[in-house]
Protein backbone atom coordinates (compact mmCIF):
# COMPACT_ATOMS: atom_id res chain seq x y z
CA MET A 1 8.54 -7.79 13.09
CA LYS A 2 9.66 -3.59 13.62
CA ILE A 3 9.22 -1.13 10.79
CA GLN A 4 10.84 2.07 10.00
CA GLN A 5 9.23 5.35 10.44
CA LEU A 6 10.67 8.09 8.75
CA SER A 7 10.93 11.80 10.94
CA LEU A 8 10.64 15.31 10.16
CA PHE A 9 10.63 18.67 11.63
CA LEU A 10 8.42 21.08 10.14
CA GLU A 11 8.01 25.00 10.94
CA ASN A 12 4.26 24.98 12.32
CA LYS A 13 3.28 28.21 9.83
CA PRO A 14 0.88 27.15 6.77
CA GLY A 15 1.85 25.54 3.96
CA ARG A 16 4.77 23.72 5.50
CA LEU A 17 3.06 19.85 5.47
CA VAL A 18 2.45 19.60 2.26
CA GLU A 19 5.80 19.80 1.27
CA PRO A 20 7.48 16.21 2.65
CA CYS A 21 3.66 15.15 1.55
CA ARG A 22 4.09 16.64 -2.87
CA LEU A 23 7.63 15.13 -2.74
CA MET A 24 6.42 11.58 -1.32
CA SER A 25 3.57 12.54 -4.49
CA VAL A 26 5.65 13.08 -7.26
CA ALA A 27 8.29 9.89 -6.29
CA GLY A 28 5.32 7.52 -6.87
CA ILE A 29 5.11 6.72 -2.65
CA ASP A 30 2.66 5.84 -0.59
CA ILE A 31 2.30 7.42 3.21
CA ARG A 32 0.61 4.67 4.84
CA THR A 33 0.03 6.34 7.82
CA LEU A 34 1.13 9.67 9.96
CA SER A 35 1.07 11.44 12.34
CA VAL A 36 1.57 15.76 12.93
CA ALA A 37 3.10 16.53 17.19
CA ASP A 38 3.28 20.22 17.24
CA THR A 39 4.19 22.57 20.00
CA GLN A 40 4.02 26.03 19.46
CA GLN A 41 7.08 26.73 16.80
CA TYR A 42 8.22 23.20 15.52
CA GLY A 43 5.79 19.75 14.37
CA ILE A 44 7.56 16.71 14.50
CA LEU A 45 6.17 14.90 11.38
CA ARG A 46 5.61 10.79 11.14
CA MET A 47 5.08 8.77 8.31
CA ILE A 48 5.08 5.48 8.11
CA VAL A 49 6.28 5.31 4.12
CA SER A 50 6.05 2.11 1.08
CA ASP A 51 9.51 3.20 0.33
CA TRP A 52 11.12 4.27 3.70
CA LYS A 53 14.92 4.48 1.63
CA ARG A 54 14.20 5.84 -0.65
CA ALA A 55 12.46 8.35 0.96
CA ALA A 56 14.64 9.62 3.26
CA ALA A 57 16.75 9.94 0.21
CA ILE A 58 14.21 12.62 -1.28
CA LEU A 59 13.81 14.43 1.91
CA LYS A 60 17.64 14.58 2.07
CA ASP A 61 17.94 15.89 -0.77
CA ALA A 62 14.99 18.45 -0.33
CA GLY A 63 17.10 19.96 3.01
CA ARG A 64 15.27 18.55 5.24
CA VAL A 65 16.83 16.75 8.60
CA VAL A 66 15.31 12.66 8.24
CA ASN A 67 15.69 10.37 12.01
CA VAL A 68 14.66 6.86 11.12
CA ALA A 69 13.10 5.33 14.07
CA GLU A 70 11.84 1.41 14.18
CA VAL A 71 8.43 1.20 15.82
CA LEU A 72 5.80 -1.37 16.48
CA ALA A 73 2.24 -1.81 14.69
CA VAL A 74 0.32 -3.86 16.92
CA GLU A 75 -3.10 -5.34 16.23
CA VAL A 76 -5.35 -4.26 18.83
CA PRO A 77 -9.03 -5.78 19.53
CA ASP A 78 -10.84 -3.16 17.79
CA ARG A 79 -13.91 -3.19 20.42
CA PRO A 80 -14.08 -1.03 23.65
CA GLY A 81 -11.96 -1.69 26.07
CA GLY A 82 -9.36 -2.70 23.70
CA LEU A 83 -6.61 -0.66 23.85
CA ALA A 84 -7.35 -0.83 27.44
CA PHE A 85 -6.90 -5.07 27.65
CA VAL A 86 -2.68 -4.14 25.37
CA LEU A 87 -1.79 -1.24 27.26
CA GLU A 88 -2.51 -3.72 30.67
CA ILE A 89 0.17 -6.59 28.99
CA LEU A 90 2.62 -4.02 29.25
CA ASP A 91 1.79 -1.90 32.93
CA ASN A 92 3.95 -3.93 35.23
CA SER A 93 6.04 -5.15 31.86
CA GLY A 94 8.18 -2.02 32.69
CA ILE A 95 8.80 -0.86 28.65
CA ASN A 96 8.26 2.35 28.45
CA ILE A 97 5.64 3.70 25.42
CA GLU A 98 7.48 6.26 24.06
CA TYR A 99 4.33 7.64 21.51
CA MET A 100 2.43 6.27 19.74
CA TYR A 101 -0.69 6.72 16.26
CA ALA A 102 -3.49 5.07 15.06
CA PHE A 103 -2.68 2.80 11.36
CA THR A 104 -5.11 3.56 8.48
CA PHE A 105 -6.29 0.18 8.49
CA GLY A 106 -7.48 -2.66 10.47
CA ARG A 107 -8.82 -5.83 9.82
CA GLU A 108 -11.43 -7.84 10.82
CA ASP A 109 -11.51 -6.94 14.81
CA LYS A 110 -9.05 -5.70 14.98
CA ALA A 111 -7.89 -2.51 15.12
CA VAL A 112 -3.94 -1.51 14.44
CA LEU A 113 -1.89 1.60 16.61
CA ILE A 114 2.18 2.43 16.05
CA PHE A 115 4.68 2.21 18.90
CA ARG A 116 7.29 2.89 19.88
CA PHE A 117 8.91 1.73 22.58
CA ASP A 118 12.07 2.15 25.00
CA LYS A 119 12.40 -2.06 24.23
CA PRO A 120 11.24 -3.11 21.08
CA ASP A 121 12.44 -6.10 21.77
CA ASP A 122 11.57 -6.91 24.60
CA ALA A 123 8.01 -6.00 23.72
CA ILE A 124 7.38 -7.75 20.79
CA THR A 125 8.21 -10.92 22.98
CA LEU A 126 5.75 -9.90 25.64
CA LEU A 127 2.92 -8.97 23.53
CA GLN A 128 3.86 -11.82 21.54
CA ARG A 129 3.29 -14.36 24.29
CA GLU A 130 0.18 -12.81 25.03
CA GLY A 131 -0.89 -13.61 21.98
CA ILE A 132 -1.34 -10.16 20.34
CA ASN A 133 -0.16 -9.95 16.87
CA VAL A 134 2.66 -7.27 15.76
CA VAL A 135 2.09 -6.53 12.64
CA GLY A 136 4.98 -7.46 9.86
CA SER A 137 6.67 -4.76 7.19
CA VAL A 138 5.24 -6.48 4.57
CA GLU A 139 1.84 -6.17 5.54
CA VAL A 140 3.08 -2.60 6.67
CA TYR A 141 4.51 -0.96 3.80
CA GLY A 142 2.15 -2.97 0.82
CA GLY A 143 -0.87 -2.45 0.03
CA GLY A 144 -3.03 -0.23 -0.80
CA SER A 145 -2.34 4.32 -1.12
CA ALA A 146 -3.07 6.69 2.23
CA ALA A 147 -2.54 9.77 1.24
């Protein structure tokens, strides 16, 4: 249920984002989704890619420091209040959401969000108990191209 996310620091200057994306393109690795968080001097690029082990090696070979983190892809009802519904399940659980961002695909009446929890195993148990689907890695890493 957990999926691997690659994170790397980028200098917050024009053209810095293109390098890792170009490296993935040349290698034939699909970027399934990504997020960029910034400060004035640096940004953090977080990516879910079709082959995270190969992508991490390619980025490291290019001189990048790459962090691999476990995240969860969670189906959220795609309607007003859908995210609030899922967040309310987590509200009094003692599980902290470190960050989250949207995924590039959804299904039927569900959107998919990426969550980084401080207690991912507890989050999986709680969400599944409440009928919330945590999407598996085959679904996340497979399929069409996002970038």
